[in-house]
Structure formats: structure tokens, C-alpha cells
Amino acid sequence: MPKPEYQKEYLKRSYKQIKFELNRNTDKDILEFLDTVDNKQGLLKRLLREEMERQNSKQK
């Protein structure tokens, strides 16, 4: 069932989708690890925020 127009507009206004590609050969270790993770989005957000904090700490 297609999403209603108001929902499409909300998603477009409120979210940004980011996509990246991993190579099945050179990134095999990452892909295998991600297969074991239930919440990939949560993991990536946590790791990015930790890195942001480290970089902010270096600048001070």
C-alpha cells in the first residue's frame, strides 16, 4: 500500500537518507560484522557521535 502524500512530505522534510557502498571483497570483514548487528543504524550513530566528541575534545 503506497504512503499517503502527507506522510511522504513529512519524511522528505524531516529525514535525510545517506547511502554508502561496501565492497564484498575488500570490506568483507565489515559486512560480516554488520550481519551480526541487530541495530545497524544505532551502532553507526553511536560510533559517529563518539568520533564527533573525540574531535571536539582535540580542538579544545
PDB file of N, CA and C in Angstrom:
ATOM      1  N   MET A   1       0.852  -1.183   0.000  1.00  0.00           N
ATOM      2  CA  MET A   1       0.000   0.000   0.000  1.00  0.00           C
ATOM      3  C   MET A   1       0.891   1.238   0.000  1.00  0.00           C
ATOM      4  N   PRO A   2       0.697   2.147  -0.923  1.00  0.00           N
ATOM      5  CA  PRO A   2       1.524   3.367  -1.004  1.00  0.00           C
ATOM      6  C   PRO A   2       1.284   4.292   0.187  1.00  0.00           C
ATOM      7  N   LYS A   3       2.316   5.056   0.532  1.00  0.00           N
ATOM      8  CA  LYS A   3       2.201   6.005   1.642  1.00  0.00           C
ATOM      9  C   LYS A   3       1.348   7.195   1.214  1.00  0.00           C
ATOM     10  N   PRO A   4       0.559   7.720   2.145  1.00  0.00           N
ATOM     11  CA  PRO A   4      -0.225   8.923   1.833  1.00  0.00           C
ATOM     12  C   PRO A   4       0.700  10.103   1.533  1.00  0.00           C
ATOM     13  N   GLU A   5       0.209  11.044   0.783  1.00  0.00           N
ATOM     14  CA  GLU A   5       1.007  12.197   0.367  1.00  0.00           C
ATOM     15  C   GLU A   5       1.540  12.990   1.553  1.00  0.00           C
ATOM     16  N   TYR A   6       0.716  13.180   2.588  1.00  0.00           N
ATOM     17  CA  TYR A   6       1.169  13.946   3.752  1.00  0.00           C
ATOM     18  C   TYR A   6       2.350  13.245   4.435  1.00  0.00           C
ATOM     19  N   GLN A   7       2.364  11.919   4.430  1.00  0.00           N
ATOM     20  CA  GLN A   7       3.454  11.180   5.047  1.00  0.00           C
ATOM     21  C   GLN A   7       4.733  11.310   4.216  1.00  0.00           C
ATOM     22  N   LYS A   8       4.597  11.274   2.907  1.00  0.00           N
ATOM     23  CA  LYS A   8       5.746  11.470   2.019  1.00  0.00           C
ATOM     24  C   LYS A   8       6.362  12.849   2.245  1.00  0.00           C
ATOM     25  N   GLU A   9       5.518  13.854   2.364  1.00  0.00           N
ATOM     26  CA  GLU A   9       6.001  15.221   2.585  1.00  0.00           C
ATOM     27  C   GLU A   9       6.721  15.334   3.925  1.00  0.00           C
ATOM     28  N   TYR A  10       6.169  14.713   4.965  1.00  0.00           N
ATOM     29  CA  TYR A  10       6.793  14.745   6.278  1.00  0.00           C
ATOM     30  C   TYR A  10       8.167  14.071   6.228  1.00  0.00           C
ATOM     31  N   LEU A  11       8.242  12.915   5.627  1.00  0.00           N
ATOM     32  CA  LEU A  11       9.508  12.186   5.547  1.00  0.00           C
ATOM     33  C   LEU A  11      10.544  12.988   4.762  1.00  0.00           C
ATOM     34  N   LYS A  12      10.147  13.601   3.679  1.00  0.00           N
ATOM     35  CA  LYS A  12      11.065  14.393   2.868  1.00  0.00           C
ATOM     36  C   LYS A  12      11.575  15.605   3.647  1.00  0.00           C
ATOM     37  N   ARG A  13      10.709  16.216   4.426  1.00  0.00           N
ATOM     38  CA  ARG A  13      11.062  17.415   5.183  1.00  0.00           C
ATOM     39  C   ARG A  13      11.876  17.074   6.440  1.00  0.00           C
ATOM     40  N   SER A  14      11.648  15.907   7.027  1.00  0.00           N
ATOM     41  CA  SER A  14      12.208  15.597   8.334  1.00  0.00           C
ATOM     42  C   SER A  14      13.417  14.659   8.324  1.00  0.00           C
ATOM     43  N   TYR A  15      13.608  13.923   7.256  1.00  0.00           N
ATOM     44  CA  TYR A  15      14.665  12.916   7.229  1.00  0.00           C
ATOM     45  C   TYR A  15      15.600  13.144   6.051  1.00  0.00           C
ATOM     46  N   LYS A  16      16.832  12.674   6.232  1.00  0.00           N
ATOM     47  CA  LYS A  16      17.791  12.669   5.136  1.00  0.00           C
ATOM     48  C   LYS A  16      18.379  11.260   5.089  1.00  0.00           C
ATOM     49  N   GLN A  17      18.330  10.661   3.944  1.00  0.00           N
ATOM     50  CA  GLN A  17      18.862   9.314   3.780  1.00  0.00           C
ATOM     51  C   GLN A  17      20.284   9.402   3.247  1.00  0.00           C
ATOM     52  N   ILE A  18      21.174   8.642   3.869  1.00  0.00           N
ATOM     53  CA  ILE A  18      22.567   8.598   3.445  1.00  0.00           C
ATOM     54  C   ILE A  18      22.888   7.157   3.064  1.00  0.00           C
ATOM     55  N   LYS A  19      23.487   6.998   1.920  1.00  0.00           N
ATOM     56  CA  LYS A  19      23.796   5.661   1.415  1.00  0.00           C
ATOM     57  C   LYS A  19      25.291   5.571   1.153  1.00  0.00           C
ATOM     58  N   PHE A  20      25.875   4.424   1.451  1.00  0.00           N
ATOM     59  CA  PHE A  20      27.252   4.172   1.057  1.00  0.00           C
ATOM     60  C   PHE A  20      27.381   2.713   0.662  1.00  0.00           C
ATOM     61  N   GLU A  21      28.395   2.440  -0.106  1.00  0.00           N
ATOM     62  CA  GLU A  21      28.582   1.094  -0.639  1.00  0.00           C
ATOM     63  C   GLU A  21      29.811   0.449  -0.016  1.00  0.00           C
ATOM     64  N   LEU A  22      29.719  -0.859   0.198  1.00  0.00           N
ATOM     65  CA  LEU A  22      30.832  -1.642   0.701  1.00  0.00           C
ATOM     66  C   LEU A  22      31.156  -2.721  -0.324  1.00  0.00           C
ATOM     67  N   ASN A  23      32.432  -2.941  -0.529  1.00  0.00           N
ATOM     68  CA  ASN A  23      32.890  -3.933  -1.488  1.00  0.00           C
ATOM     69  C   ASN A  23      32.874  -5.311  -0.831  1.00  0.00           C
ATOM     70  N   ARG A  24      32.265  -6.275  -1.505  1.00  0.00           N
ATOM     71  CA  ARG A  24      32.154  -7.627  -0.947  1.00  0.00           C
ATOM     72  C   ARG A  24      33.509  -8.287  -0.728  1.00  0.00           C
ATOM     73  N   ASN A  25      34.534  -7.841  -1.430  1.00  0.00           N
ATOM     74  CA  ASN A  25      35.866  -8.435  -1.280  1.00  0.00           C
ATOM     75  C   ASN A  25      36.714  -7.675  -0.270  1.00  0.00           C
ATOM     76  N   THR A  26      36.905  -6.388  -0.479  1.00  0.00           N
ATOM     77  CA  THR A  26      37.805  -5.629   0.390  1.00  0.00           C
ATOM     78  C   THR A  26      37.168  -5.249   1.728  1.00  0.00           C
ATOM     79  N   ASP A  27      35.851  -5.224   1.812  1.00  0.00           N
ATOM     80  CA  ASP A  27      35.150  -4.867   3.047  1.00  0.00           C
ATOM     81  C   ASP A  27      34.427  -6.061   3.657  1.00  0.00           C
ATOM     82  N   LYS A  28      34.891  -7.247   3.318  1.00  0.00           N
ATOM     83  CA  LYS A  28      34.223  -8.468   3.770  1.00  0.00           C
ATOM     84  C   LYS A  28      34.118  -8.526   5.293  1.00  0.00           C
ATOM     85  N   ASP A  29      35.171  -8.092   5.992  1.00  0.00           N
ATOM     86  CA  ASP A  29      35.160  -8.117   7.454  1.00  0.00           C
ATOM     87  C   ASP A  29      34.063  -7.211   8.021  1.00  0.00           C
ATOM     88  N   ILE A  30      33.889  -6.058   7.419  1.00  0.00           N
ATOM     89  CA  ILE A  30      32.849  -5.122   7.877  1.00  0.00           C
ATOM     90  C   ILE A  30      31.465  -5.706   7.609  1.00  0.00           C
ATOM     91  N   LEU A  31      31.275  -6.257   6.429  1.00  0.00           N
ATOM     92  CA  LEU A  31      29.981  -6.842   6.079  1.00  0.00           C
ATOM     93  C   LEU A  31      29.627  -8.007   6.996  1.00  0.00           C
ATOM     94  N   GLU A  32      30.602  -8.843   7.294  1.00  0.00           N
ATOM     95  CA  GLU A  32      30.349  -9.978   8.194  1.00  0.00           C
ATOM     96  C   GLU A  32      29.988  -9.486   9.589  1.00  0.00           C
ATOM     97  N   PHE A  33      30.682  -8.453  10.053  1.00  0.00           N
ATOM     98  CA  PHE A  33      30.358  -7.900  11.366  1.00  0.00           C
ATOM     99  C   PHE A  33      28.952  -7.306  11.374  1.00  0.00           C
ATOM    100  N   LEU A  34      28.628  -6.518  10.344  1.00  0.00           N
ATOM    101  CA  LEU A  34      27.304  -5.892  10.294  1.00  0.00           C
ATOM    102  C   LEU A  34      26.181  -6.917  10.245  1.00  0.00           C
ATOM    103  N   ASP A  35      26.465  -8.085   9.692  1.00  0.00           N
ATOM    104  CA  ASP A  35      25.458  -9.152   9.667  1.00  0.00           C
ATOM    105  C   ASP A  35      25.094  -9.619  11.075  1.00  0.00           C
ATOM    106  N   THR A  36      25.983  -9.403  12.041  1.00  0.00           N
ATOM    107  CA  THR A  36      25.720  -9.840  13.417  1.00  0.00           C
ATOM    108  C   THR A  36      25.034  -8.763  14.254  1.00  0.00           C
ATOM    109  N   VAL A  37      24.918  -7.559  13.712  1.00  0.00           N
ATOM    110  CA  VAL A  37      24.378  -6.423  14.472  1.00  0.00           C
ATOM    111  C   VAL A  37      22.885  -6.269  14.172  1.00  0.00           C
ATOM    112  N   ASP A  38      22.087  -6.242  15.241  1.00  0.00           N
ATOM    113  CA  ASP A  38      20.639  -6.068  15.062  1.00  0.00           C
ATOM    114  C   ASP A  38      20.285  -4.626  14.694  1.00  0.00           C
ATOM    115  N   ASN A  39      20.911  -3.669  15.362  1.00  0.00           N
ATOM    116  CA  ASN A  39      20.566  -2.264  15.179  1.00  0.00           C
ATOM    117  C   ASN A  39      21.736  -1.537  14.507  1.00  0.00           C
ATOM    118  N   LYS A  40      21.849  -1.690  13.213  1.00  0.00           N
ATOM    119  CA  LYS A  40      22.956  -1.080  12.461  1.00  0.00           C
ATOM    120  C   LYS A  40      22.915   0.443  12.546  1.00  0.00           C
ATOM    121  N   GLN A  41      21.748   1.007  12.421  1.00  0.00           N
ATOM    122  CA  GLN A  41      21.619   2.461  12.485  1.00  0.00           C
ATOM    123  C   GLN A  41      22.053   2.973  13.847  1.00  0.00           C
ATOM    124  N   GLY A  42      21.629   2.317  14.902  1.00  0.00           N
ATOM    125  CA  GLY A  42      22.015   2.727  16.248  1.00  0.00           C
ATOM    126  C   GLY A  42      23.517   2.630  16.455  1.00  0.00           C
ATOM    127  N   LEU A  43      24.129   1.565  15.959  1.00  0.00           N
ATOM    128  CA  LEU A  43      25.577   1.393  16.069  1.00  0.00           C
ATOM    129  C   LEU A  43      26.306   2.520  15.351  1.00  0.00           C
ATOM    130  N   LEU A  44      25.914   2.796  14.131  1.00  0.00           N
ATOM    131  CA  LEU A  44      26.581   3.843  13.357  1.00  0.00           C
ATOM    132  C   LEU A  44      26.416   5.214  14.008  1.00  0.00           C
ATOM    133  N   LYS A  45      25.230   5.508  14.505  1.00  0.00           N
ATOM    134  CA  LYS A  45      25.004   6.796  15.168  1.00  0.00           C
ATOM    135  C   LYS A  45      25.885   6.925  16.405  1.00  0.00           C
ATOM    136  N   ARG A  46      25.962   5.857  17.203  1.00  0.00           N
ATOM    137  CA  ARG A  46      26.775   5.898  18.416  1.00  0.00           C
ATOM    138  C   ARG A  46      28.247   6.106  18.074  1.00  0.00           C
ATOM    139  N   LEU A  47      28.754   5.356  17.095  1.00  0.00           N
ATOM    140  CA  LEU A  47      30.157   5.481  16.710  1.00  0.00           C
ATOM    141  C   LEU A  47      30.461   6.874  16.154  1.00  0.00           C
ATOM    142  N   LEU A  48      29.550   7.420  15.360  1.00  0.00           N
ATOM    143  CA  LEU A  48      29.756   8.759  14.814  1.00  0.00           C
ATOM    144  C   LEU A  48      29.758   9.815  15.920  1.00  0.00           C
ATOM    145  N   ARG A  49      28.835   9.687  16.875  1.00  0.00           N
ATOM    146  CA  ARG A  49      28.798  10.658  17.970  1.00  0.00           C
ATOM    147  C   ARG A  49      30.046  10.555  18.845  1.00  0.00           C
ATOM    148  N   GLU A  50      30.545   9.342  19.062  1.00  0.00           N
ATOM    149  CA  GLU A  50      31.787   9.174  19.816  1.00  0.00           C
ATOM    150  C   GLU A  50      32.952   9.851  19.083  1.00  0.00           C
ATOM    151  N   GLU A  51      33.014   9.675  17.781  1.00  0.00           N
ATOM    152  CA  GLU A  51      34.078  10.305  16.993  1.00  0.00           C
ATOM    153  C   GLU A  51      33.937  11.826  17.007  1.00  0.00           C
ATOM    154  N   MET A  52      32.713  12.322  16.906  1.00  0.00           N
ATOM    155  CA  MET A  52      32.489  13.761  16.967  1.00  0.00           C
ATOM    156  C   MET A  52      32.974  14.317  18.308  1.00  0.00           C
ATOM    157  N   GLU A  53      32.686  13.610  19.382  1.00  0.00           N
ATOM    158  CA  GLU A  53      33.126  14.046  20.718  1.00  0.00           C
ATOM    159  C   GLU A  53      34.641  14.044  20.819  1.00  0.00           C
ATOM    160  N   ARG A  54      35.295  13.012  20.289  1.00  0.00           N
ATOM    161  CA  ARG A  54      36.761  12.964  20.316  1.00  0.00           C
ATOM    162  C   ARG A  54      37.362  14.139  19.553  1.00  0.00           C
ATOM    163  N   GLN A  55      36.806  14.422  18.397  1.00  0.00           N
ATOM    164  CA  GLN A  55      37.328  15.539  17.593  1.00  0.00           C
ATOM    165  C   GLN A  55      37.081  16.879  18.286  1.00  0.00           C
ATOM    166  N   ASN A  56      35.928  17.024  18.916  1.00  0.00           N
ATOM    167  CA  ASN A  56      35.647  18.263  19.657  1.00  0.00           C
ATOM    168  C   ASN A  56      36.593  18.419  20.840  1.00  0.00           C
ATOM    169  N   SER A  57      36.940  17.321  21.484  1.00  0.00           N
ATOM    170  CA  SER A  57      37.868  17.366  22.627  1.00  0.00           C
ATOM    171  C   SER A  57      39.268  17.764  22.176  1.00  0.00           C
ATOM    172  N   LYS A  58      39.683  17.325  20.996  1.00  0.00           N
ATOM    173  CA  LYS A  58      41.004  17.662  20.464  1.00  0.00           C
ATOM    174  C   LYS A  58      41.114  19.154  20.163  1.00  0.00           C
ATOM    175  N   GLN A  59      40.018  19.757  19.735  1.00  0.00           N
ATOM    176  CA  GLN A  59      40.035  21.158  19.334  1.00  0.00           C
ATOM    177  C   GLN A  59      40.120  22.101  20.522  1.00  0.00           C
ATOM    178  N   LYS A  60      39.832  21.621  21.709  1.00  0.00           N
ATOM    179  CA  LYS A  60      39.820  22.494  22.902  1.00  0.00           C
ATOM    180  C   LYS A  60      41.194  22.615  23.499  1.00  0.00           C
TER     181      LYS A  60
END
